[in-house]
C-alpha atoms as a PDB file:
ATOM      1  CA  MET A   1      15.068  14.396  57.953  1.00  0.00           C
ATOM      2  CA  ALA A   2      12.562  15.342  54.594  1.00  0.00           C
ATOM      3  CA  ASN A   3      10.024  17.823  55.261  1.00  0.00           C
ATOM      4  CA  ILE A   4       7.032  16.560  53.735  1.00  0.00           C
ATOM      5  CA  ILE A   5       4.526  19.506  52.089  1.00  0.00           C
ATOM      6  CA  GLN A   6       0.516  18.580  52.756  1.00  0.00           C
ATOM      7  CA  PHE A   7      -1.335  19.718  49.644  1.00  0.00           C
ATOM      8  CA  PRO A   8      -4.640  21.321  50.197  1.00  0.00           C
ATOM      9  CA  ARG A   9      -7.757  19.285  49.778  1.00  0.00           C
ATOM     10  CA  GLY A  10     -11.070  20.506  48.476  1.00  0.00           C
ATOM     11  CA  SER A  11      -9.607  24.156  48.854  1.00  0.00           C
ATOM     12  CA  GLY A  12      -7.636  26.516  47.173  1.00  0.00           C
ATOM     13  CA  LEU A  13      -6.346  26.440  43.646  1.00  0.00           C
ATOM     14  CA  LEU A  14      -6.168  22.474  43.137  1.00  0.00           C
ATOM     15  CA  ALA A  15     -10.044  22.121  43.946  1.00  0.00           C
ATOM     16  CA  GLN A  16     -10.771  25.043  41.404  1.00  0.00           C
ATOM     17  CA  HIS A  17      -8.963  23.532  38.166  1.00  0.00           C
ATOM     18  CA  ALA A  18     -10.278  20.081  38.658  1.00  0.00           C
ATOM     19  CA  GLU A  19     -13.463  21.541  37.328  1.00  0.00           C
ATOM     20  CA  LEU A  20     -13.216  21.964  33.878  1.00  0.00           C
ATOM     21  CA  PRO A  21     -15.867  23.489  32.198  1.00  0.00           C
ATOM     22  CA  LEU A  22     -18.192  21.915  29.443  1.00  0.00           C
ATOM     23  CA  PRO A  23     -17.557  22.431  25.894  1.00  0.00           C
ATOM     24  CA  ALA A  24     -19.192  25.254  24.272  1.00  0.00           C
ATOM     25  CA  PHE A  25     -20.331  23.572  20.959  1.00  0.00           C
ATOM     26  CA  LYS A  26     -21.314  20.134  20.901  1.00  0.00           C
ATOM     27  CA  PRO A  27     -21.856  18.495  17.360  1.00  0.00           C
ATOM     28  CA  PHE A  28     -25.456  18.255  16.753  1.00  0.00           C
ATOM     29  CA  GLY A  29     -25.861  14.136  15.684  1.00  0.00           C
ATOM     30  CA  GLU A  30     -22.716  13.073  16.863  1.00  0.00           C
ATOM     31  CA  PRO A  31     -23.187  11.113  20.364  1.00  0.00           C
ATOM     32  CA  HIS A  32     -19.805  10.673  22.184  1.00  0.00           C
ATOM     33  CA  GLY A  33     -18.231  11.060  18.887  1.00  0.00           C
ATOM     34  CA  GLU A  34     -19.171   8.498  17.140  1.00  0.00           C
ATOM     35  CA  THR A  35     -21.327   8.894  13.642  1.00  0.00           C
ATOM     36  CA  ILE A  36     -23.921   6.555  12.048  1.00  0.00           C
ATOM     37  CA  PHE A  37     -21.643   5.737   9.302  1.00  0.00           C
ATOM     38  CA  SER A  38     -18.743   5.107  11.574  1.00  0.00           C
ATOM     39  CA  ARG A  39     -21.176   2.761  13.662  1.00  0.00           C
ATOM     40  CA  LEU A  40     -22.147   0.972  10.142  1.00  0.00           C
ATOM     41  CA  LEU A  41     -18.864   0.817   8.546  1.00  0.00           C
ATOM     42  CA  THR A  42     -17.290  -0.820  11.834  1.00  0.00           C
ATOM     43  CA  VAL A  43     -20.908  -3.393  11.648  1.00  0.00           C
ATOM     44  CA  ALA A  44     -20.265  -3.907   7.840  1.00  0.00           C
ATOM     45  CA  TRP A  45     -16.001  -4.746   9.008  1.00  0.00           C
ATOM     46  CA  VAL A  46     -17.397  -7.040  11.528  1.00  0.00           C
ATOM     47  CA  VAL A  47     -19.606  -9.044   9.104  1.00  0.00           C
ATOM     48  CA  ILE A  48     -16.981  -9.284   6.523  1.00  0.00           C
ATOM     49  CA  THR A  49     -14.084 -10.143   8.550  1.00  0.00           C
ATOM     50  CA  LEU A  50     -16.105 -13.295  10.261  1.00  0.00           C
ATOM     51  CA  MET A  51     -17.264 -14.084   6.761  1.00  0.00           C
ATOM     52  CA  TRP A  52     -13.909 -13.396   5.137  1.00  0.00           C
ATOM     53  CA  PRO A  53     -12.399 -16.943   4.889  1.00  0.00           C
ATOM     54  CA  VAL A  54     -15.123 -18.416   3.066  1.00  0.00           C
ATOM     55  CA  LEU A  55     -15.764 -15.212   1.062  1.00  0.00           C
ATOM     56  CA  LYS A  56     -12.456 -14.862  -0.281  1.00  0.00           C
ATOM     57  CA  TRP A  57     -12.360 -18.444  -1.779  1.00  0.00           C
ATOM     58  CA  ILE A  58     -15.910 -17.684  -3.734  1.00  0.00           C
ATOM     59  CA  LEU A  59     -14.593 -14.226  -5.097  1.00  0.00           C
ATOM     60  CA  SER A  60     -11.513 -15.948  -6.300  1.00  0.00           C
ATOM     61  CA  ILE A  61     -13.062 -18.432  -7.950  1.00  0.00           C
ATOM     62  CA  ASP A  62     -15.640 -16.034  -9.468  1.00  0.00           C
ATOM     63  CA  VAL A  63     -12.843 -13.813 -11.208  1.00  0.00           C
ATOM     64  CA  VAL A  64     -11.080 -17.038 -12.300  1.00  0.00           C
ATOM     65  CA  PHE A  65     -14.170 -17.555 -13.956  1.00  0.00           C
ATOM     66  CA  GLN A  66     -14.919 -14.318 -15.372  1.00  0.00           C
ATOM     67  CA  PHE A  67     -11.065 -14.401 -16.222  1.00  0.00           C
ATOM     68  CA  PHE A  68     -11.930 -17.587 -18.676  1.00  0.00           C
ATOM     69  CA  ARG A  69     -15.518 -15.818 -19.376  1.00  0.00           C
ATOM     70  CA  MET A  70     -13.552 -12.743 -20.742  1.00  0.00           C
ATOM     71  CA  ILE A  71     -11.046 -14.856 -22.972  1.00  0.00           C
ATOM     72  CA  TYR A  72     -13.739 -17.001 -24.364  1.00  0.00           C
ATOM     73  CA  HIS A  73     -15.929 -13.770 -25.273  1.00  0.00           C
ATOM     74  CA  TRP A  74     -13.008 -11.771 -26.471  1.00  0.00           C
ATOM     75  CA  GLY A  75     -14.018 -11.294 -29.936  1.00  0.00           C
ATOM     76  CA  THR A  76     -17.705 -10.915 -29.583  1.00  0.00           C
ATOM     77  CA  PRO A  77     -19.203  -7.326 -30.103  1.00  0.00           C
ATOM     78  CA  ASP A  78     -21.692  -6.004 -27.586  1.00  0.00           C
ATOM     79  CA  MET A  79     -20.166  -8.411 -24.807  1.00  0.00           C
ATOM     80  CA  HIS A  80     -18.357  -6.526 -21.994  1.00  0.00           C
ATOM     81  CA  ALA A  81     -16.382  -9.265 -20.206  1.00  0.00           C
ATOM     82  CA  GLY A  82     -13.608  -7.473 -20.007  1.00  0.00           C
ATOM     83  CA  TRP A  83     -15.193  -4.443 -17.985  1.00  0.00           C
ATOM     84  CA  THR A  84     -17.256  -7.280 -16.114  1.00  0.00           C
ATOM     85  CA  LEU A  85     -13.871  -8.792 -14.713  1.00  0.00           C
ATOM     86  CA  LEU A  86     -12.578  -5.413 -13.755  1.00  0.00           C
ATOM     87  CA  LEU A  87     -15.177  -5.079 -11.792  1.00  0.00           C
ATOM     88  CA  HIS A  88     -15.257  -8.403 -10.366  1.00  0.00           C
ATOM     89  CA  PHE A  89     -11.152  -8.148  -9.547  1.00  0.00           C
ATOM     90  CA  ALA A  90     -12.055  -4.442  -7.754  1.00  0.00           C
ATOM     91  CA  ALA A  91     -14.395  -5.744  -5.506  1.00  0.00           C
ATOM     92  CA  LEU A  92     -12.029  -8.819  -4.375  1.00  0.00           C
ATOM     93  CA  THR A  93      -9.105  -6.359  -4.330  1.00  0.00           C
ATOM     94  CA  SER A  94     -11.193  -3.450  -2.013  1.00  0.00           C
ATOM     95  CA  LEU A  95     -12.610  -6.033   0.136  1.00  0.00           C
ATOM     96  CA  THR A  96      -8.856  -7.479   0.683  1.00  0.00           C
ATOM     97  CA  CYS A  97      -7.875  -4.004   1.405  1.00  0.00           C
ATOM     98  CA  PHE A  98     -10.782  -3.013   3.723  1.00  0.00           C
ATOM     99  CA  VAL A  99     -10.308  -6.262   5.985  1.00  0.00           C
ATOM    100  CA  SER A 100      -6.355  -6.653   6.202  1.00  0.00           C
ATOM    101  CA  LEU A 101      -5.701  -2.301   5.966  1.00  0.00           C
ATOM    102  CA  TYR A 102      -9.218  -1.303   7.945  1.00  0.00           C
ATOM    103  CA  LYS A 103      -9.790  -1.368  11.726  1.00  0.00           C
ATOM    104  CA  PRO A 104     -12.450   0.890  13.915  1.00  0.00           C
ATOM    105  CA  LYS A 105     -11.186   3.351  16.139  1.00  0.00           C
ATOM    106  CA  GLY A 106     -11.886   2.916  19.115  1.00  0.00           C
ATOM    107  CA  LYS A 107     -12.606  -0.466  19.287  1.00  0.00           C
ATOM    108  CA  LYS A 108     -10.120  -3.828  20.706  1.00  0.00           C
ATOM    109  CA  PHE A 109     -10.506  -6.614  18.306  1.00  0.00           C
END
């Protein structure tokens, strides 16, 4: 037959190593490893992701409108329609990347 080894309960080396010491330094203002910025970023991600199907269409139509506005005002001095188009396109691109690539840490969505 086989020899069954009984491990000690409540005393000995196993019980001494069961209680880990508390960390010596806990960063101030970070409860449970989550900062206010990460919470706000998570809330913004959830809100933008929920509104994304409608928001994507609205921003795409706005970029197309800004493109035709840029073409119309191409030779007009003191009209910065090209920079305005670039700004609106950058906002659409950055929100697309934010929704599709970012996932909050520690959250199960």
